[in-house]
Protein backbone atom coordinates (compact mmCIF):
# COMPACT_ATOMS: atom_id res chain seq x y z
CA MET A 1 92.62 75.13 61.73
CA PHE A 2 96.24 75.07 63.11
CA HIS A 3 99.37 73.53 61.86
CA ARG A 4 102.70 72.71 63.73
CA GLY A 5 102.93 73.53 67.45
CA PHE A 6 100.84 76.74 66.98
CA ALA A 7 100.35 77.03 70.70
CA ALA A 8 103.84 78.22 71.10
CA ALA A 9 102.97 81.24 69.14
CA LEU A 10 99.68 82.23 70.84
CA PRO A 11 99.99 85.52 72.74
CA VAL A 12 97.76 84.10 75.45
CA ALA A 13 100.78 81.99 76.51
CA VAL A 14 102.28 85.03 78.17
CA LEU A 15 99.59 84.85 80.86
CA LEU A 16 101.21 81.56 82.14
CA ALA A 17 103.78 83.51 84.20
CA ALA A 18 102.30 86.99 84.27
CA ALA A 19 102.84 88.51 87.73
CA PRO A 20 102.63 92.04 89.13
CA ALA A 21 105.68 94.13 89.35
CA SER A 22 107.72 94.46 92.42
CA ALA A 23 106.41 96.84 94.94
CA GLN A 24 108.53 99.67 95.05
CA THR A 25 105.19 101.38 94.35
CA GLU A 26 102.66 98.98 95.93
CA GLY A 27 103.57 98.26 99.49
CA ALA A 28 104.63 95.08 101.36
CA ALA A 29 101.09 93.93 102.35
CA ALA A 30 99.85 94.05 98.80
CA ASN A 31 102.92 92.25 97.47
CA ALA A 32 102.45 89.44 100.11
CA ASP A 33 98.87 89.05 98.92
CA LEU A 34 99.90 88.93 95.31
CA ALA A 35 102.61 86.44 95.98
CA ALA A 36 100.18 84.17 97.69
CA LYS A 37 97.79 84.43 94.78
CA LEU A 38 100.42 83.70 92.23
CA GLY A 39 101.05 80.37 93.76
CA GLY A 40 97.50 79.35 94.15
CA ASP A 41 94.78 77.97 91.94
CA ASN A 42 93.82 79.99 88.87
CA VAL A 43 92.31 79.63 85.44
CA THR A 44 92.69 81.87 82.45
CA VAL A 45 90.32 81.48 79.54
CA GLY A 46 90.89 83.37 76.32
CA VAL A 47 90.13 83.54 72.61
CA ALA A 48 92.08 85.28 69.90
CA GLY A 49 91.75 85.88 66.22
CA ALA A 50 94.93 84.44 64.58
CA TYR A 51 96.34 85.25 61.19
CA LEU A 52 98.46 82.43 59.91
CA PRO A 53 99.53 80.53 56.72
CA ASP A 54 97.07 78.35 54.86
CA TYR A 55 99.45 75.43 55.38
CA GLU A 56 103.05 74.90 56.62
CA GLY A 57 105.17 76.69 54.03
CA SER A 58 102.34 78.72 52.42
CA ASN A 59 102.52 82.30 51.24
CA ASP A 60 98.77 82.75 51.56
CA TYR A 61 97.22 83.70 54.92
CA ARG A 62 93.90 83.50 56.58
CA PHE A 63 92.14 84.27 59.85
CA THR A 64 91.05 81.58 62.35
CA PRO A 65 89.91 81.53 66.05
CA ALA A 66 92.48 80.50 68.67
CA PRO A 67 91.07 79.31 72.02
CA ALA A 68 93.13 78.94 75.17
CA VAL A 69 92.56 77.65 78.71
CA ILE A 70 95.53 77.93 81.11
CA GLY A 71 95.67 77.36 84.80
CA GLN A 72 96.91 75.64 87.88
CA PHE A 73 94.90 73.35 90.32
CA LYS A 74 96.49 72.06 93.57
CA GLY A 75 99.86 73.09 92.22
CA PHE A 76 99.45 71.19 88.84
CA ALA A 77 99.80 73.60 85.89
CA PHE A 78 97.90 72.77 82.78
CA SER A 79 97.26 74.36 79.40
CA LEU A 80 95.09 73.87 76.36
CA ILE A 81 96.24 76.49 73.70
CA GLY A 82 95.00 76.11 70.25
CA ASN A 83 95.83 72.59 69.07
CA ARG A 84 98.12 71.74 71.89
CA ALA A 85 97.53 70.44 75.44
CA SER A 86 99.85 69.73 78.27
CA ILE A 87 100.01 69.20 82.01
CA ASP A 88 102.92 69.62 84.42
CA LEU A 89 102.94 66.61 86.82
CA ILE A 90 105.44 68.15 89.15
CA PRO A 91 103.37 70.45 91.54
CA ASN A 92 104.30 74.05 92.10
CA ARG A 93 104.54 75.52 95.55
CA PRO A 94 103.91 79.15 96.54
CA GLY A 95 107.16 81.11 96.80
CA GLN A 96 109.32 78.72 94.96
CA THR A 97 111.97 80.09 92.57
CA LEU A 98 112.92 76.91 90.72
CA ASP A 99 110.13 75.28 88.73
CA PHE A 100 110.94 71.60 87.58
CA GLN A 101 108.54 70.52 84.82
CA ALA A 102 107.61 67.15 83.44
CA GLY A 103 104.42 65.73 81.98
CA PRO A 104 102.43 64.66 78.96
CA ILE A 105 101.80 66.67 75.86
CA GLY A 106 99.47 66.26 72.86
CA VAL A 107 99.05 68.07 69.52
CA ILE A 108 96.29 67.73 66.93
CA ASN A 109 98.09 68.42 63.57
CA PHE A 110 95.55 70.03 61.17
CA ASN A 111 98.14 70.83 58.45
CA ARG A 112 96.48 70.43 54.99
CA THR A 113 93.61 68.46 56.37
CA SER A 114 91.07 70.72 54.45
CA ARG A 115 91.52 71.50 50.76
CA LYS A 116 88.98 74.46 50.99
CA ASN A 117 91.39 76.32 53.35
CA ILE A 118 94.21 76.28 50.79
CA ASP A 119 94.13 78.99 48.17
CA ASP A 120 96.95 77.69 45.86
CA PRO A 121 95.35 75.35 43.33
CA ARG A 122 98.68 73.34 42.91
CA VAL A 123 98.78 72.47 46.61
CA ARG A 124 95.09 71.72 46.72
CA ALA A 125 95.72 69.20 43.89
CA LEU A 126 98.16 67.33 46.08
CA GLY A 127 95.11 66.02 48.08
CA LYS A 128 93.87 66.03 51.64
CA ILE A 129 95.90 64.77 54.51
CA ASP A 130 94.29 63.08 57.50
CA THR A 131 94.40 64.72 60.96
CA ALA A 132 97.54 63.54 62.87
CA ILE A 133 97.34 62.95 66.58
CA GLU A 134 100.81 63.50 68.18
CA LEU A 135 101.31 62.32 71.77
CA GLY A 136 104.39 62.52 73.94
CA GLY A 137 106.02 64.24 76.89
CA TYR A 138 108.22 67.07 77.95
CA VAL A 139 110.75 68.05 80.69
CA GLY A 140 111.92 71.51 81.56
CA ILE A 141 113.14 73.94 84.26
CA GLY A 142 112.06 77.46 85.08
CA LYS A 143 113.79 80.09 87.22
CA THR A 144 111.81 83.03 88.76
CA GLY A 145 113.65 86.35 89.52
CA ILE A 146 116.24 86.48 86.76
CA ILE A 147 116.75 89.93 85.31
CA THR A 148 114.11 92.65 85.76
CA SER A 149 112.26 91.82 89.02
CA PRO A 150 111.61 89.04 91.54
CA TYR A 151 108.74 88.07 89.34
CA ASP A 152 110.26 87.61 85.85
CA LYS A 153 110.75 83.94 84.72
CA LEU A 154 113.05 82.12 82.30
CA SER A 155 112.14 78.60 81.25
CA VAL A 156 113.84 76.05 78.99
CA SER A 157 112.23 72.75 77.99
CA VAL A 158 112.41 69.96 75.43
CA SER A 159 109.51 67.84 74.26
CA TYR A 160 109.09 64.73 72.03
CA ARG A 161 105.86 63.63 70.52
CA HIS A 162 104.99 60.84 68.05
CA ASP A 163 102.13 60.42 65.69
CA VAL A 164 99.89 57.76 67.03
CA SER A 165 97.21 57.97 64.24
CA ASN A 166 99.53 56.56 61.49
CA VAL A 167 99.27 59.73 59.37
CA HIS A 168 102.94 60.58 59.26
CA ASP A 169 103.96 57.86 61.82
CA SER A 170 107.04 59.71 63.05
CA GLY A 171 108.49 61.69 65.96
CA ILE A 172 109.11 65.39 66.51
CA TRP A 173 111.65 66.87 68.96
CA GLN A 174 111.03 70.51 70.08
CA PRO A 175 113.48 72.44 72.37
CA SER A 176 112.14 75.73 73.45
CA ILE A 177 113.07 78.74 75.66
CA ASN A 178 110.60 81.34 77.18
CA TYR A 179 111.12 84.65 79.03
CA LEU A 180 108.24 86.40 80.79
CA THR A 181 108.38 89.56 82.76
CA PRO A 182 105.79 91.97 84.20
CA LEU A 183 106.03 95.66 83.45
CA SER A 184 103.50 96.66 86.10
CA ARG A 185 100.46 95.25 88.01
CA LYS A 186 98.56 95.43 84.76
CA ALA A 187 101.07 94.74 81.84
CA ALA A 188 103.45 91.99 81.00
CA VAL A 189 105.60 90.86 78.00
CA GLY A 190 107.12 87.62 76.81
CA LEU A 191 109.60 86.32 74.36
CA VAL A 192 109.73 82.78 73.03
CA ALA A 193 112.11 80.77 70.75
CA SER A 194 111.84 77.16 69.60
CA ALA A 195 112.88 74.74 66.84
CA GLU A 196 111.63 71.36 65.63
CA HIS A 197 113.54 68.35 64.51
CA VAL A 198 111.37 65.80 62.65
CA GLU A 199 111.76 62.22 61.47
CA ARG A 200 111.53 61.09 57.79
CA GLY A 201 107.87 60.29 57.88
CA TYR A 202 106.87 63.85 58.59
CA GLY A 203 108.80 65.14 55.60
CA GLN A 204 107.39 62.43 53.30
CA THR A 205 103.84 63.23 54.38
CA TYR A 206 103.84 67.08 54.38
CA PHE A 207 106.78 68.09 52.05
CA SER A 208 107.47 65.31 49.56
CA ILE A 209 105.60 65.03 46.16
CA SER A 210 105.05 61.68 44.49
CA PRO A 211 104.96 61.12 40.73
CA THR A 212 101.17 60.90 40.83
CA GLN A 213 100.95 64.14 42.80
CA SER A 214 103.29 65.83 40.47
CA MET A 215 101.03 64.94 37.40
CA LEU A 216 97.98 66.25 39.24
CA SER A 217 99.48 69.49 40.55
CA GLY A 218 102.19 70.40 38.02
CA LEU A 219 104.74 70.65 40.82
CA PRO A 220 107.94 68.59 40.44
CA THR A 221 108.58 65.38 42.34
CA TYR A 222 110.36 65.78 45.65
CA ASN A 223 111.71 63.58 48.46
CA ALA A 224 112.10 65.33 51.83
CA ARG A 225 114.44 63.87 54.51
CA SER A 226 114.56 63.96 58.27
CA GLY A 227 116.29 66.89 60.05
CA TRP A 228 115.80 70.29 61.59
CA LYS A 229 112.59 71.54 60.04
CA ASP A 230 112.39 75.20 61.31
CA TYR A 231 113.06 77.69 64.03
CA GLN A 232 110.58 80.16 65.47
CA VAL A 233 110.96 83.42 67.49
CA GLY A 234 108.13 85.53 68.84
CA GLY A 235 107.05 88.12 71.27
CA PHE A 236 103.79 88.71 73.22
CA PHE A 237 102.11 91.41 75.26
CA THR A 238 99.13 91.43 77.74
CA TYR A 239 97.40 94.27 79.46
CA SER A 240 94.72 94.04 82.12
CA LEU A 241 91.48 95.97 81.21
CA THR A 242 89.95 95.29 84.57
CA GLY A 243 91.58 94.23 87.85
CA ASP A 244 95.22 93.21 87.43
CA LEU A 245 97.34 90.40 85.91
CA LEU A 246 96.01 87.90 88.34
CA HIS A 247 92.23 88.63 87.93
CA GLY A 248 89.98 90.22 85.36
CA VAL A 249 89.81 90.86 81.67
CA LYS A 250 93.11 91.21 79.65
CA LEU A 251 93.89 92.21 76.14
CA VAL A 252 96.55 89.85 74.67
CA ALA A 253 98.48 90.26 71.40
CA GLY A 254 101.57 89.01 69.75
CA GLY A 255 103.23 87.41 66.81
CA SER A 256 106.03 85.12 65.61
CA TYR A 257 108.41 84.53 62.73
CA SER A 258 109.51 81.06 61.70
CA ARG A 259 111.87 79.88 58.93
CA LEU A 260 111.72 76.52 57.30
CA LEU A 261 115.13 74.86 56.95
CA ASN A 262 117.04 72.23 55.02
CA SER A 263 115.10 70.00 52.59
CA TYR A 264 111.76 71.35 53.96
CA SER A 265 112.58 74.89 52.64
CA TYR A 266 113.33 73.45 49.24
CA SER A 267 110.11 71.43 48.79
CA PRO A 268 108.14 72.73 45.77
CA ILE A 269 105.20 73.43 48.02
CA VAL A 270 107.47 75.99 49.71
CA ARG A 271 109.95 77.35 47.13
CA THR A 272 107.51 77.23 44.13
CA ALA A 273 104.10 77.57 45.61
CA GLY A 274 104.91 79.11 49.01
CA ASN A 275 107.64 80.77 51.07
CA PRO A 276 110.15 79.49 53.69
CA ASN A 277 109.48 82.59 55.83
CA GLN A 278 106.30 82.09 57.93
CA TRP A 279 104.45 84.69 60.00
CA ILE A 280 101.76 84.37 62.70
CA GLY A 281 99.82 87.25 64.41
CA ALA A 282 97.10 87.00 66.99
CA ALA A 283 95.09 89.41 69.23
CA GLY A 284 92.18 88.79 71.51
CA LEU A 285 90.82 88.84 75.03
CA ALA A 286 91.31 86.60 78.09
CA TYR A 287 89.80 86.40 81.64
CA THR A 288 91.54 85.21 84.77
CA PHE A 289 89.56 83.99 87.83
């Protein structure tokens, strides 16, 4: 399944702030109705086919399903995208332009949990890693009406999560920035950028190679340290096939590029058996009701 914070790369995420374009072409009454709907309860359910690396740092790729549920109930925004779930405990109100965000976040880390999903025999020989459960929280702020229309939105946030399952037993900091804007009542695009700073246990678990693992795999021994692990940039697009951006069936698509950094990019599972440049692509359908 998924590795790292793959949810940040899913194109379905663009639906979180998708809103119809300003109504130089739609009329005041229609805009008032849409603005009211935008601040109300809603749920978007989607599934995409994702093309992503076999493991973090791999140069082999595979397809996997990527489910998503995003919505708002009584002002509380929530999301379950791929292997990541979060909820904003600061309620939103219709018409607000500043969105303060804070709440819990959880990630299930599937990186190298199944040997059969890894093509490279050297990395398979390193052995299976148990599934890590990473829990924590995030804070952020968003501003609506920034550049292109009264409905575009710029958000910045930072999250921290820690492995509570004693797999890598370390923490991960992730700052991120997102920009979303509608192109019309039916189309919207989004941009996202993020980075991850990990503690030593993460590097030891996923990027280091012990003497025993070296004998089994043929890869040299390696000792990864703490530090900035990677950065990621991506872009996403959604188009309503029925209804508009606030109701009906939508096509969602997008992709991202990430680059492993520092000691993580020099690990033999990356430099010898893989590649520090990582790509993710996804496309699918979603329904908002």
